[in-house]
Amino acid sequence: MNCIIIDDEKLSCKVLEEFVKKTKGLELKGVYYNPIDAINESENFNEIDLLIMDIEMPEMSGLDVLASISKLPQVIIVSSDNKYAVDAFDFSVNDFLLKPIKYPRFLKAIQKIIQQPQTVIEFQNKDTNTGDGFFIKKNNTFVRVKYDEIVCIESIENYVAFQTLDARYVVHQTLKSVEGMLPQIFWRVHRSYIVNINAVKVIEDNCVVVQMSSENLRIPIGKNYKDKILNFIKPLK
Protein backbone atom coordinates (compact mmCIF):
# COMPACT_ATOMS: atom_id res chain seq x y z
CA MET A 1 0.00 0.00 0.00
CA ASN A 2 1.24 3.48 -0.86
CA CYS A 3 1.16 5.72 2.22
CA ILE A 4 2.01 9.24 3.37
CA ILE A 5 2.67 10.74 6.80
CA ILE A 6 1.41 14.14 7.96
CA ASP A 7 2.74 15.22 11.35
CA ASP A 8 4.38 18.47 12.47
CA GLU A 9 6.50 16.65 15.07
CA LYS A 10 9.71 15.60 13.34
CA LEU A 11 10.57 12.98 15.95
CA SER A 12 7.15 11.42 15.56
CA CYS A 13 7.59 11.40 11.77
CA LYS A 14 10.96 9.69 12.14
CA VAL A 15 9.43 6.95 14.28
CA LEU A 16 6.54 6.45 11.84
CA GLU A 17 8.95 6.38 8.89
CA GLU A 18 10.93 3.57 10.54
CA PHE A 19 7.71 1.68 11.27
CA VAL A 20 6.59 1.97 7.65
CA LYS A 21 9.98 0.89 6.27
CA LYS A 22 10.04 -2.34 8.25
CA THR A 23 6.42 -3.26 7.56
CA LYS A 24 5.96 -5.50 4.55
CA GLY A 25 3.37 -4.27 2.10
CA LEU A 26 3.84 -0.54 2.87
CA GLU A 27 5.62 1.93 0.63
CA LEU A 28 6.23 5.47 1.87
CA LYS A 29 5.43 8.08 -0.78
CA GLY A 30 5.86 11.27 1.23
CA VAL A 31 6.28 12.92 4.62
CA TYR A 32 4.71 16.32 5.37
CA TYR A 33 5.47 18.41 8.45
CA ASN A 34 2.90 21.01 7.39
CA PRO A 35 -0.68 19.90 6.61
CA ILE A 36 -1.12 22.75 4.11
CA ASP A 37 1.72 21.34 2.00
CA ALA A 38 -0.10 18.03 1.94
CA ILE A 39 -3.40 19.68 0.98
CA ASN A 40 -1.68 21.52 -1.88
CA GLU A 41 -0.67 18.13 -3.29
CA SER A 42 -3.93 16.39 -2.49
CA GLU A 43 -4.55 15.74 -6.19
CA ASN A 44 -1.88 13.06 -5.83
CA PHE A 45 -3.93 11.29 -3.17
CA ASN A 46 -5.57 9.15 -5.85
CA GLU A 47 -2.38 7.07 -5.77
CA ILE A 48 -2.33 6.90 -1.95
CA ASP A 49 -3.88 3.94 -0.13
CA LEU A 50 -3.14 4.98 3.44
CA LEU A 51 -2.85 8.31 5.26
CA ILE A 52 -1.09 8.36 8.67
CA MET A 53 -1.74 11.72 10.33
CA ASP A 54 -1.56 13.68 13.57
CA ILE A 55 -4.51 15.73 14.86
CA GLU A 56 -2.93 18.75 16.60
CA MET A 57 -0.98 20.68 13.97
CA PRO A 58 -0.45 24.41 13.28
CA GLU A 59 -2.66 26.28 10.79
CA MET A 60 -4.82 23.21 10.09
CA SER A 61 -5.76 20.34 12.35
CA GLY A 62 -5.86 16.77 11.13
CA LEU A 63 -9.65 16.93 11.30
CA ASP A 64 -9.58 19.96 8.98
CA VAL A 65 -7.43 17.97 6.57
CA LEU A 66 -9.90 15.08 6.59
CA ALA A 67 -12.78 17.47 5.97
CA SER A 68 -11.00 19.05 3.00
CA ILE A 69 -10.29 15.84 1.05
CA SER A 70 -13.18 14.67 -1.09
CA LYS A 71 -12.05 11.05 -1.50
CA LEU A 72 -10.22 9.83 1.57
CA PRO A 73 -7.88 6.85 1.46
CA GLN A 74 -7.60 4.52 4.44
CA VAL A 75 -6.71 6.66 7.50
CA ILE A 76 -4.79 6.03 10.72
CA ILE A 77 -4.84 8.92 13.19
CA VAL A 78 -1.96 9.38 15.65
CA SER A 79 -2.31 11.74 18.61
CA SER A 80 -0.97 12.40 22.10
CA ASP A 81 -4.50 13.06 23.38
CA ASN A 82 -7.29 10.50 23.15
CA LYS A 83 -9.96 13.21 23.47
CA TYR A 84 -9.86 13.47 19.67
CA ALA A 85 -10.76 9.83 19.11
CA VAL A 86 -14.54 10.36 18.88
CA ASP A 87 -14.19 13.21 16.38
CA ALA A 88 -11.70 11.19 14.33
CA PHE A 89 -14.00 8.20 14.06
CA ASP A 90 -16.75 10.51 12.78
CA PHE A 91 -14.66 10.53 9.60
CA SER A 92 -14.66 6.72 9.53
CA VAL A 93 -10.92 6.50 10.14
CA ASN A 94 -9.53 2.99 10.34
CA ASP A 95 -7.69 3.35 13.64
CA PHE A 96 -6.59 5.81 16.32
CA LEU A 97 -3.10 5.39 17.84
CA LEU A 98 -2.09 7.13 21.02
CA LYS A 99 1.45 8.54 21.20
CA PRO A 100 4.05 7.37 22.04
CA ILE A 101 3.30 4.63 19.53
CA LYS A 102 4.84 1.19 19.87
CA TYR A 103 5.52 -0.89 16.78
CA PRO A 104 3.29 -3.86 17.78
CA ARG A 105 0.31 -1.50 18.03
CA PHE A 106 1.19 0.12 14.70
CA LEU A 107 1.51 -3.29 13.05
CA LYS A 108 -1.86 -4.37 14.44
CA ALA A 109 -3.48 -1.31 12.86
CA ILE A 110 -1.88 -2.08 9.49
CA GLN A 111 -2.87 -5.74 9.60
CA LYS A 112 -6.45 -4.76 10.37
CA ILE A 113 -6.50 -2.60 7.24
CA ILE A 114 -4.89 -5.27 5.06
CA GLN A 115 -7.37 -7.87 6.27
CA GLN A 116 -10.16 -5.66 4.93
CA PRO A 117 -10.04 -6.07 1.15
CA GLN A 118 -9.43 -2.51 -0.01
CA THR A 119 -9.28 -3.47 -3.62
CA VAL A 120 -11.23 -6.22 -5.34
CA ILE A 121 -10.13 -7.51 -8.70
CA GLU A 122 -12.90 -8.41 -11.12
CA PHE A 123 -11.43 -11.47 -12.84
CA GLN A 124 -14.71 -13.29 -13.41
CA ASN A 125 -16.21 -10.94 -16.01
CA LYS A 126 -14.35 -11.65 -19.24
CA ASP A 127 -16.34 -8.99 -21.08
CA THR A 128 -14.98 -6.39 -18.64
CA ASN A 129 -11.44 -7.76 -18.41
CA THR A 130 -10.39 -7.44 -22.02
CA GLY A 131 -7.17 -8.83 -23.44
CA ASP A 132 -4.85 -5.97 -22.48
CA GLY A 133 -5.69 -5.70 -18.78
CA PHE A 134 -8.39 -5.57 -16.12
CA PHE A 135 -10.17 -3.27 -13.67
CA ILE A 136 -9.38 -3.06 -9.96
CA LYS A 137 -11.87 -1.58 -7.53
CA LYS A 138 -10.17 1.05 -5.37
CA ASN A 139 -12.43 2.62 -2.76
CA ASN A 140 -15.43 3.81 -4.83
CA THR A 141 -13.70 3.90 -8.21
CA PHE A 142 -12.53 1.38 -10.79
CA VAL A 143 -8.93 1.71 -11.95
CA ARG A 144 -7.83 0.35 -15.31
CA VAL A 145 -4.58 -1.64 -15.06
CA LYS A 146 -2.94 -2.79 -18.28
CA TYR A 147 -0.72 -5.85 -18.31
CA ASP A 148 2.20 -3.96 -19.79
CA GLU A 149 2.05 -1.47 -16.88
CA ILE A 150 2.62 -4.21 -14.29
CA VAL A 151 6.25 -4.63 -13.25
CA CYS A 152 5.83 -7.51 -10.82
CA ILE A 153 3.26 -9.33 -8.71
CA GLU A 154 3.92 -10.34 -5.11
CA SER A 155 2.12 -12.79 -2.85
CA ILE A 156 1.42 -11.46 0.67
CA GLU A 157 -0.26 -14.24 2.65
CA ASN A 158 -3.89 -14.23 1.40
CA TYR A 159 -3.35 -11.15 -0.76
CA VAL A 160 -1.58 -10.25 -3.97
CA ALA A 161 0.13 -6.93 -4.70
CA PHE A 162 0.31 -5.66 -8.28
CA GLN A 163 3.27 -3.27 -8.61
CA THR A 164 3.19 -0.83 -11.52
CA LEU A 165 5.74 1.88 -12.24
CA ASP A 166 3.94 4.38 -10.01
CA ALA A 167 1.31 2.52 -7.96
CA ARG A 168 0.71 -0.58 -5.88
CA TYR A 169 -2.65 -2.39 -5.73
CA VAL A 170 -3.37 -4.97 -3.03
CA VAL A 171 -6.14 -7.45 -3.80
CA HIS A 172 -7.69 -10.39 -2.01
CA GLN A 173 -6.53 -13.19 -4.32
CA THR A 174 -3.95 -15.97 -4.40
CA LEU A 175 -0.92 -15.84 -6.66
CA LYS A 176 -1.98 -19.13 -8.23
CA SER A 177 -5.38 -17.77 -9.26
CA VAL A 178 -3.80 -14.62 -10.68
CA GLU A 179 -1.15 -16.57 -12.59
CA GLY A 180 -3.82 -18.43 -14.53
CA MET A 181 -5.19 -15.26 -16.16
CA LEU A 182 -1.89 -13.60 -17.10
CA PRO A 183 -0.45 -13.44 -20.65
CA GLN A 184 2.89 -15.05 -21.52
CA ILE A 185 4.96 -11.94 -20.80
CA PHE A 186 4.73 -12.86 -17.10
CA TRP A 187 7.16 -15.32 -15.55
CA ARG A 188 6.91 -17.07 -12.21
CA VAL A 189 10.41 -16.64 -10.74
CA HIS A 190 9.71 -17.52 -7.12
CA ARG A 191 6.88 -19.04 -5.10
CA SER A 192 6.01 -15.50 -4.00
CA TYR A 193 6.79 -13.50 -7.16
CA ILE A 194 5.78 -13.14 -10.81
CA VAL A 195 7.62 -10.64 -13.03
CA ASN A 196 6.86 -8.96 -16.34
CA ILE A 197 9.74 -10.09 -18.59
CA ASN A 198 9.55 -6.76 -20.46
CA ALA A 199 10.42 -4.97 -17.20
CA VAL A 200 13.44 -7.17 -16.44
CA LYS A 201 16.71 -5.26 -16.74
CA VAL A 202 19.22 -7.83 -15.47
CA ILE A 203 19.13 -11.50 -14.53
CA GLU A 204 21.71 -12.39 -11.88
CA ASP A 205 22.56 -15.65 -10.14
CA ASN A 206 19.85 -15.45 -7.52
CA CYS A 207 17.64 -12.56 -8.55
CA VAL A 208 16.12 -10.56 -11.36
CA VAL A 209 16.33 -6.78 -11.45
CA VAL A 210 13.19 -5.07 -12.73
CA GLN A 211 13.01 -1.51 -14.02
CA MET A 212 11.08 1.06 -12.00
CA SER A 213 10.57 4.80 -12.49
CA SER A 214 12.92 5.97 -9.73
CA GLU A 215 14.69 2.83 -8.57
CA ASN A 216 15.13 -0.80 -9.53
CA LEU A 217 13.65 -3.75 -7.63
CA ARG A 218 15.64 -6.90 -6.93
CA ILE A 219 13.41 -9.96 -6.86
CA PRO A 220 14.71 -13.37 -5.74
CA ILE A 221 14.78 -16.35 -8.07
CA GLY A 222 13.60 -19.60 -6.49
CA LYS A 223 15.69 -22.74 -6.99
CA ASN A 224 12.83 -24.52 -8.74
CA TYR A 225 12.50 -21.73 -11.32
CA LYS A 226 16.12 -20.87 -12.15
CA ASP A 227 16.82 -23.51 -14.82
CA LYS A 228 13.55 -22.81 -16.61
CA ILE A 229 14.34 -19.08 -16.76
CA LEU A 230 17.88 -19.62 -18.06
CA ASN A 231 16.67 -22.07 -20.70
CA PHE A 232 13.96 -19.71 -21.86
CA ILE A 233 16.00 -16.51 -22.36
CA LYS A 234 18.56 -18.01 -24.81
CA PRO A 235 21.11 -15.18 -24.43
CA LEU A 236 23.37 -14.01 -27.23
CA LYS A 237 27.06 -14.75 -26.66
C-alpha atoms as a PDB file:
ATOM      1  CA  MET A   1       0.000   0.000   0.000  1.00  0.00           C
ATOM      2  CA  ASN A   2       1.238   3.481  -0.856  1.00  0.00           C
ATOM      3  CA  CYS A   3       1.160   5.716   2.217  1.00  0.00           C
ATOM      4  CA  ILE A   4       2.006   9.244   3.367  1.00  0.00           C
ATOM      5  CA  ILE A   5       2.666  10.736   6.802  1.00  0.00           C
ATOM      6  CA  ILE A   6       1.413  14.142   7.962  1.00  0.00           C
ATOM      7  CA  ASP A   7       2.744  15.218  11.350  1.00  0.00           C
ATOM      8  CA  ASP A   8       4.376  18.468  12.468  1.00  0.00           C
ATOM      9  CA  GLU A   9       6.497  16.648  15.066  1.00  0.00           C
ATOM     10  CA  LYS A  10       9.713  15.598  13.341  1.00  0.00           C
ATOM     11  CA  LEU A  11      10.571  12.975  15.948  1.00  0.00           C
ATOM     12  CA  SER A  12       7.145  11.417  15.558  1.00  0.00           C
ATOM     13  CA  CYS A  13       7.588  11.399  11.773  1.00  0.00           C
ATOM     14  CA  LYS A  14      10.961   9.690  12.144  1.00  0.00           C
ATOM     15  CA  VAL A  15       9.426   6.950  14.282  1.00  0.00           C
ATOM     16  CA  LEU A  16       6.544   6.447  11.841  1.00  0.00           C
ATOM     17  CA  GLU A  17       8.954   6.376   8.891  1.00  0.00           C
ATOM     18  CA  GLU A  18      10.926   3.572  10.543  1.00  0.00           C
ATOM     19  CA  PHE A  19       7.711   1.677  11.275  1.00  0.00           C
ATOM     20  CA  VAL A  20       6.591   1.971   7.647  1.00  0.00           C
ATOM     21  CA  LYS A  21       9.983   0.891   6.267  1.00  0.00           C
ATOM     22  CA  LYS A  22      10.042  -2.342   8.251  1.00  0.00           C
ATOM     23  CA  THR A  23       6.417  -3.264   7.563  1.00  0.00           C
ATOM     24  CA  LYS A  24       5.960  -5.503   4.549  1.00  0.00           C
ATOM     25  CA  GLY A  25       3.366  -4.272   2.100  1.00  0.00           C
ATOM     26  CA  LEU A  26       3.842  -0.544   2.870  1.00  0.00           C
ATOM     27  CA  GLU A  27       5.622   1.933   0.631  1.00  0.00           C
ATOM     28  CA  LEU A  28       6.234   5.469   1.871  1.00  0.00           C
ATOM     29  CA  LYS A  29       5.430   8.077  -0.784  1.00  0.00           C
ATOM     30  CA  GLY A  30       5.857  11.267   1.225  1.00  0.00           C
ATOM     31  CA  VAL A  31       6.277  12.919   4.619  1.00  0.00           C
ATOM     32  CA  TYR A  32       4.711  16.315   5.367  1.00  0.00           C
ATOM     33  CA  TYR A  33       5.468  18.410   8.448  1.00  0.00           C
ATOM     34  CA  ASN A  34       2.901  21.006   7.389  1.00  0.00           C
ATOM     35  CA  PRO A  35      -0.678  19.905   6.613  1.00  0.00           C
ATOM     36  CA  ILE A  36      -1.117  22.748   4.111  1.00  0.00           C
ATOM     37  CA  ASP A  37       1.719  21.343   1.999  1.00  0.00           C
ATOM     38  CA  ALA A  38      -0.097  18.028   1.944  1.00  0.00           C
ATOM     39  CA  ILE A  39      -3.396  19.676   0.979  1.00  0.00           C
ATOM     40  CA  ASN A  40      -1.682  21.521  -1.877  1.00  0.00           C
ATOM     41  CA  GLU A  41      -0.673  18.134  -3.286  1.00  0.00           C
ATOM     42  CA  SER A  42      -3.928  16.387  -2.493  1.00  0.00           C
ATOM     43  CA  GLU A  43      -4.548  15.736  -6.191  1.00  0.00           C
ATOM     44  CA  ASN A  44      -1.883  13.061  -5.829  1.00  0.00           C
ATOM     45  CA  PHE A  45      -3.934  11.291  -3.166  1.00  0.00           C
ATOM     46  CA  ASN A  46      -5.568   9.145  -5.853  1.00  0.00           C
ATOM     47  CA  GLU A  47      -2.378   7.068  -5.772  1.00  0.00           C
ATOM     48  CA  ILE A  48      -2.332   6.900  -1.950  1.00  0.00           C
ATOM     49  CA  ASP A  49      -3.883   3.944  -0.134  1.00  0.00           C
ATOM     50  CA  LEU A  50      -3.136   4.976   3.443  1.00  0.00           C
ATOM     51  CA  LEU A  51      -2.848   8.315   5.264  1.00  0.00           C
ATOM     52  CA  ILE A  52      -1.089   8.360   8.667  1.00  0.00           C
ATOM     53  CA  MET A  53      -1.745  11.715  10.329  1.00  0.00           C
ATOM     54  CA  ASP A  54      -1.556  13.675  13.570  1.00  0.00           C
ATOM     55  CA  ILE A  55      -4.508  15.732  14.859  1.00  0.00           C
ATOM     56  CA  GLU A  56      -2.934  18.748  16.602  1.00  0.00           C
ATOM     57  CA  MET A  57      -0.979  20.677  13.973  1.00  0.00           C
ATOM     58  CA  PRO A  58      -0.451  24.407  13.282  1.00  0.00           C
ATOM     59  CA  GLU A  59      -2.661  26.277  10.789  1.00  0.00           C
ATOM     60  CA  MET A  60      -4.815  23.207  10.095  1.00  0.00           C
ATOM     61  CA  SER A  61      -5.763  20.339  12.352  1.00  0.00           C
ATOM     62  CA  GLY A  62      -5.862  16.766  11.134  1.00  0.00           C
ATOM     63  CA  LEU A  63      -9.652  16.930  11.296  1.00  0.00           C
ATOM     64  CA  ASP A  64      -9.576  19.959   8.983  1.00  0.00           C
ATOM     65  CA  VAL A  65      -7.434  17.970   6.566  1.00  0.00           C
ATOM     66  CA  LEU A  66      -9.901  15.077   6.589  1.00  0.00           C
ATOM     67  CA  ALA A  67     -12.785  17.470   5.969  1.00  0.00           C
ATOM     68  CA  SER A  68     -11.002  19.054   2.996  1.00  0.00           C
ATOM     69  CA  ILE A  69     -10.287  15.843   1.053  1.00  0.00           C
ATOM     70  CA  SER A  70     -13.180  14.675  -1.092  1.00  0.00           C
ATOM     71  CA  LYS A  71     -12.051  11.053  -1.500  1.00  0.00           C
ATOM     72  CA  LEU A  72     -10.222   9.834   1.568  1.00  0.00           C
ATOM     73  CA  PRO A  73      -7.880   6.848   1.462  1.00  0.00           C
ATOM     74  CA  GLN A  74      -7.602   4.522   4.444  1.00  0.00           C
ATOM     75  CA  VAL A  75      -6.707   6.662   7.501  1.00  0.00           C
ATOM     76  CA  ILE A  76      -4.789   6.034  10.718  1.00  0.00           C
ATOM     77  CA  ILE A  77      -4.838   8.918  13.193  1.00  0.00           C
ATOM     78  CA  VAL A  78      -1.961   9.378  15.653  1.00  0.00           C
ATOM     79  CA  SER A  79      -2.313  11.735  18.611  1.00  0.00           C
ATOM     80  CA  SER A  80      -0.967  12.397  22.097  1.00  0.00           C
ATOM     81  CA  ASP A  81      -4.496  13.058  23.377  1.00  0.00           C
ATOM     82  CA  ASN A  82      -7.289  10.501  23.150  1.00  0.00           C
ATOM     83  CA  LYS A  83      -9.958  13.214  23.475  1.00  0.00           C
ATOM     84  CA  TYR A  84      -9.862  13.470  19.667  1.00  0.00           C
ATOM     85  CA  ALA A  85     -10.764   9.834  19.107  1.00  0.00           C
ATOM     86  CA  VAL A  86     -14.536  10.355  18.879  1.00  0.00           C
ATOM     87  CA  ASP A  87     -14.186  13.214  16.379  1.00  0.00           C
ATOM     88  CA  ALA A  88     -11.702  11.193  14.331  1.00  0.00           C
ATOM     89  CA  PHE A  89     -13.998   8.205  14.058  1.00  0.00           C
ATOM     90  CA  ASP A  90     -16.749  10.506  12.780  1.00  0.00           C
ATOM     91  CA  PHE A  91     -14.659  10.533   9.597  1.00  0.00           C
ATOM     92  CA  SER A  92     -14.662   6.716   9.533  1.00  0.00           C
ATOM     93  CA  VAL A  93     -10.922   6.502  10.145  1.00  0.00           C
ATOM     94  CA  ASN A  94      -9.526   2.993  10.336  1.00  0.00           C
ATOM     95  CA  ASP A  95      -7.691   3.351  13.639  1.00  0.00           C
ATOM     96  CA  PHE A  96      -6.592   5.807  16.316  1.00  0.00           C
ATOM     97  CA  LEU A  97      -3.098   5.389  17.835  1.00  0.00           C
ATOM     98  CA  LEU A  98      -2.091   7.132  21.020  1.00  0.00           C
ATOM     99  CA  LYS A  99       1.453   8.539  21.196  1.00  0.00           C
ATOM    100  CA  PRO A 100       4.055   7.372  22.045  1.00  0.00           C
ATOM    101  CA  ILE A 101       3.298   4.635  19.530  1.00  0.00           C
ATOM    102  CA  LYS A 102       4.841   1.191  19.874  1.00  0.00           C
ATOM    103  CA  TYR A 103       5.522  -0.890  16.779  1.00  0.00           C
ATOM    104  CA  PRO A 104       3.293  -3.863  17.775  1.00  0.00           C
ATOM    105  CA  ARG A 105       0.311  -1.502  18.028  1.00  0.00           C
ATOM    106  CA  PHE A 106       1.188   0.117  14.697  1.00  0.00           C
ATOM    107  CA  LEU A 107       1.515  -3.291  13.049  1.00  0.00           C
ATOM    108  CA  LYS A 108      -1.861  -4.373  14.443  1.00  0.00           C
ATOM    109  CA  ALA A 109      -3.485  -1.314  12.859  1.00  0.00           C
ATOM    110  CA  ILE A 110      -1.876  -2.081   9.490  1.00  0.00           C
ATOM    111  CA  GLN A 111      -2.870  -5.736   9.598  1.00  0.00           C
ATOM    112  CA  LYS A 112      -6.448  -4.755  10.367  1.00  0.00           C
ATOM    113  CA  ILE A 113      -6.501  -2.604   7.239  1.00  0.00           C
ATOM    114  CA  ILE A 114      -4.887  -5.266   5.062  1.00  0.00           C
ATOM    115  CA  GLN A 115      -7.375  -7.873   6.269  1.00  0.00           C
ATOM    116  CA  GLN A 116     -10.161  -5.658   4.934  1.00  0.00           C
ATOM    117  CA  PRO A 117     -10.036  -6.071   1.152  1.00  0.00           C
ATOM    118  CA  GLN A 118      -9.426  -2.511  -0.005  1.00  0.00           C
ATOM    119  CA  THR A 119      -9.280  -3.470  -3.623  1.00  0.00           C
ATOM    120  CA  VAL A 120     -11.229  -6.215  -5.341  1.00  0.00           C
ATOM    121  CA  ILE A 121     -10.126  -7.513  -8.700  1.00  0.00           C
ATOM    122  CA  GLU A 122     -12.901  -8.412 -11.117  1.00  0.00           C
ATOM    123  CA  PHE A 123     -11.434 -11.469 -12.840  1.00  0.00           C
ATOM    124  CA  GLN A 124     -14.710 -13.291 -13.412  1.00  0.00           C
ATOM    125  CA  ASN A 125     -16.212 -10.937 -16.012  1.00  0.00           C
ATOM    126  CA  LYS A 126     -14.353 -11.653 -19.238  1.00  0.00           C
ATOM    127  CA  ASP A 127     -16.336  -8.987 -21.080  1.00  0.00           C
ATOM    128  CA  THR A 128     -14.981  -6.392 -18.639  1.00  0.00           C
ATOM    129  CA  ASN A 129     -11.438  -7.759 -18.409  1.00  0.00           C
ATOM    130  CA  THR A 130     -10.390  -7.445 -22.018  1.00  0.00           C
ATOM    131  CA  GLY A 131      -7.169  -8.830 -23.443  1.00  0.00           C
ATOM    132  CA  ASP A 132      -4.850  -5.966 -22.480  1.00  0.00           C
ATOM    133  CA  GLY A 133      -5.688  -5.698 -18.783  1.00  0.00           C
ATOM    134  CA  PHE A 134      -8.392  -5.567 -16.123  1.00  0.00           C
ATOM    135  CA  PHE A 135     -10.170  -3.273 -13.669  1.00  0.00           C
ATOM    136  CA  ILE A 136      -9.378  -3.057  -9.962  1.00  0.00           C
ATOM    137  CA  LYS A 137     -11.869  -1.583  -7.526  1.00  0.00           C
ATOM    138  CA  LYS A 138     -10.174   1.045  -5.370  1.00  0.00           C
ATOM    139  CA  ASN A 139     -12.435   2.622  -2.761  1.00  0.00           C
ATOM    140  CA  ASN A 140     -15.431   3.806  -4.826  1.00  0.00           C
ATOM    141  CA  THR A 141     -13.704   3.900  -8.208  1.00  0.00           C
ATOM    142  CA  PHE A 142     -12.530   1.379 -10.793  1.00  0.00           C
ATOM    143  CA  VAL A 143      -8.934   1.710 -11.954  1.00  0.00           C
ATOM    144  CA  ARG A 144      -7.832   0.354 -15.312  1.00  0.00           C
ATOM    145  CA  VAL A 145      -4.576  -1.636 -15.063  1.00  0.00           C
ATOM    146  CA  LYS A 146      -2.936  -2.789 -18.279  1.00  0.00           C
ATOM    147  CA  TYR A 147      -0.724  -5.852 -18.311  1.00  0.00           C
ATOM    148  CA  ASP A 148       2.200  -3.957 -19.794  1.00  0.00           C
ATOM    149  CA  GLU A 149       2.054  -1.466 -16.884  1.00  0.00           C
ATOM    150  CA  ILE A 150       2.620  -4.205 -14.293  1.00  0.00           C
ATOM    151  CA  VAL A 151       6.248  -4.632 -13.250  1.00  0.00           C
ATOM    152  CA  CYS A 152       5.834  -7.512 -10.824  1.00  0.00           C
ATOM    153  CA  ILE A 153       3.257  -9.327  -8.711  1.00  0.00           C
ATOM    154  CA  GLU A 154       3.924 -10.344  -5.105  1.00  0.00           C
ATOM    155  CA  SER A 155       2.120 -12.790  -2.848  1.00  0.00           C
ATOM    156  CA  ILE A 156       1.419 -11.456   0.670  1.00  0.00           C
ATOM    157  CA  GLU A 157      -0.259 -14.244   2.646  1.00  0.00           C
ATOM    158  CA  ASN A 158      -3.894 -14.229   1.398  1.00  0.00           C
ATOM    159  CA  TYR A 159      -3.352 -11.146  -0.755  1.00  0.00           C
ATOM    160  CA  VAL A 160      -1.585 -10.254  -3.974  1.00  0.00           C
ATOM    161  CA  ALA A 161       0.126  -6.934  -4.697  1.00  0.00           C
ATOM    162  CA  PHE A 162       0.310  -5.661  -8.284  1.00  0.00           C
ATOM    163  CA  GLN A 163       3.271  -3.274  -8.609  1.00  0.00           C
ATOM    164  CA  THR A 164       3.187  -0.832 -11.517  1.00  0.00           C
ATOM    165  CA  LEU A 165       5.740   1.881 -12.242  1.00  0.00           C
ATOM    166  CA  ASP A 166       3.945   4.381 -10.006  1.00  0.00           C
ATOM    167  CA  ALA A 167       1.314   2.517  -7.958  1.00  0.00           C
ATOM    168  CA  ARG A 168       0.713  -0.581  -5.884  1.00  0.00           C
ATOM    169  CA  TYR A 169      -2.652  -2.386  -5.725  1.00  0.00           C
ATOM    170  CA  VAL A 170      -3.369  -4.972  -3.034  1.00  0.00           C
ATOM    171  CA  VAL A 171      -6.145  -7.446  -3.801  1.00  0.00           C
ATOM    172  CA  HIS A 172      -7.691 -10.393  -2.013  1.00  0.00           C
ATOM    173  CA  GLN A 173      -6.529 -13.185  -4.321  1.00  0.00           C
ATOM    174  CA  THR A 174      -3.955 -15.967  -4.404  1.00  0.00           C
ATOM    175  CA  LEU A 175      -0.916 -15.837  -6.661  1.00  0.00           C
ATOM    176  CA  LYS A 176      -1.978 -19.130  -8.231  1.00  0.00           C
ATOM    177  CA  SER A 177      -5.385 -17.767  -9.259  1.00  0.00           C
ATOM    178  CA  VAL A 178      -3.802 -14.623 -10.677  1.00  0.00           C
ATOM    179  CA  GLU A 179      -1.150 -16.568 -12.589  1.00  0.00           C
ATOM    180  CA  GLY A 180      -3.815 -18.429 -14.532  1.00  0.00           C
ATOM    181  CA  MET A 181      -5.190 -15.262 -16.155  1.00  0.00           C
ATOM    182  CA  LEU A 182      -1.888 -13.597 -17.099  1.00  0.00           C
ATOM    183  CA  PRO A 183      -0.449 -13.441 -20.647  1.00  0.00           C
ATOM    184  CA  GLN A 184       2.893 -15.052 -21.516  1.00  0.00           C
ATOM    185  CA  ILE A 185       4.963 -11.941 -20.799  1.00  0.00           C
ATOM    186  CA  PHE A 186       4.727 -12.859 -17.098  1.00  0.00           C
ATOM    187  CA  TRP A 187       7.160 -15.324 -15.545  1.00  0.00           C
ATOM    188  CA  ARG A 188       6.906 -17.074 -12.210  1.00  0.00           C
ATOM    189  CA  VAL A 189      10.410 -16.644 -10.738  1.00  0.00           C
ATOM    190  CA  HIS A 190       9.710 -17.522  -7.115  1.00  0.00           C
ATOM    191  CA  ARG A 191       6.880 -19.035  -5.103  1.00  0.00           C
ATOM    192  CA  SER A 192       6.006 -15.495  -4.002  1.00  0.00           C
ATOM    193  CA  TYR A 193       6.792 -13.498  -7.165  1.00  0.00           C
ATOM    194  CA  ILE A 194       5.785 -13.144 -10.806  1.00  0.00           C
ATOM    195  CA  VAL A 195       7.618 -10.637 -13.025  1.00  0.00           C
ATOM    196  CA  ASN A 196       6.862  -8.959 -16.338  1.00  0.00           C
ATOM    197  CA  ILE A 197       9.740 -10.087 -18.586  1.00  0.00           C
ATOM    198  CA  ASN A 198       9.552  -6.764 -20.455  1.00  0.00           C
ATOM    199  CA  ALA A 199      10.424  -4.970 -17.205  1.00  0.00           C
ATOM    200  CA  VAL A 200      13.442  -7.172 -16.442  1.00  0.00           C
ATOM    201  CA  LYS A 201      16.709  -5.261 -16.743  1.00  0.00           C
ATOM    202  CA  VAL A 202      19.216  -7.831 -15.471  1.00  0.00           C
ATOM    203  CA  ILE A 203      19.130 -11.502 -14.525  1.00  0.00           C
ATOM    204  CA  GLU A 204      21.710 -12.387 -11.876  1.00  0.00           C
ATOM    205  CA  ASP A 205      22.564 -15.654 -10.138  1.00  0.00           C
ATOM    206  CA  ASN A 206      19.849 -15.455  -7.519  1.00  0.00           C
ATOM    207  CA  CYS A 207      17.639 -12.559  -8.545  1.00  0.00           C
ATOM    208  CA  VAL A 208      16.119 -10.557 -11.361  1.00  0.00           C
ATOM    209  CA  VAL A 209      16.333  -6.778 -11.450  1.00  0.00           C
ATOM    210  CA  VAL A 210      13.189  -5.070 -12.734  1.00  0.00           C
ATOM    211  CA  GLN A 211      13.015  -1.508 -14.023  1.00  0.00           C
ATOM    212  CA  MET A 212      11.080   1.064 -12.000  1.00  0.00           C
ATOM    213  CA  SER A 213      10.571   4.805 -12.494  1.00  0.00           C
ATOM    214  CA  SER A 214      12.919   5.974  -9.729  1.00  0.00           C
ATOM    215  CA  GLU A 215      14.694   2.831  -8.565  1.00  0.00           C
ATOM    216  CA  ASN A 216      15.127  -0.801  -9.531  1.00  0.00           C
ATOM    217  CA  LEU A 217      13.650  -3.749  -7.633  1.00  0.00           C
ATOM    218  CA  ARG A 218      15.642  -6.903  -6.927  1.00  0.00           C
ATOM    219  CA  ILE A 219      13.410  -9.959  -6.865  1.00  0.00           C
ATOM    220  CA  PRO A 220      14.707 -13.367  -5.735  1.00  0.00           C
ATOM    221  CA  ILE A 221      14.781 -16.347  -8.072  1.00  0.00           C
ATOM    222  CA  GLY A 222      13.600 -19.596  -6.495  1.00  0.00           C
ATOM    223  CA  LYS A 223      15.692 -22.739  -6.987  1.00  0.00           C
ATOM    224  CA  ASN A 224      12.827 -24.519  -8.736  1.00  0.00           C
ATOM    225  CA  TYR A 225      12.498 -21.730 -11.318  1.00  0.00           C
ATOM    226  CA  LYS A 226      16.119 -20.866 -12.154  1.00  0.00           C
ATOM    227  CA  ASP A 227      16.817 -23.510 -14.816  1.00  0.00           C
ATOM    228  CA  LYS A 228      13.547 -22.808 -16.605  1.00  0.00           C
ATOM    229  CA  ILE A 229      14.335 -19.081 -16.755  1.00  0.00           C
ATOM    230  CA  LEU A 230      17.880 -19.621 -18.061  1.00  0.00           C
ATOM    231  CA  ASN A 231      16.668 -22.066 -20.704  1.00  0.00           C
ATOM    232  CA  PHE A 232      13.958 -19.707 -21.859  1.00  0.00           C
ATOM    233  CA  ILE A 233      15.995 -16.509 -22.364  1.00  0.00           C
ATOM    234  CA  LYS A 234      18.555 -18.010 -24.814  1.00  0.00           C
ATOM    235  CA  PRO A 235      21.107 -15.178 -24.434  1.00  0.00           C
ATOM    236  CA  LEU A 236      23.368 -14.008 -27.226  1.00  0.00           C
ATOM    237  CA  LYS A 237      27.057 -14.754 -26.658  1.00  0.00           C
END
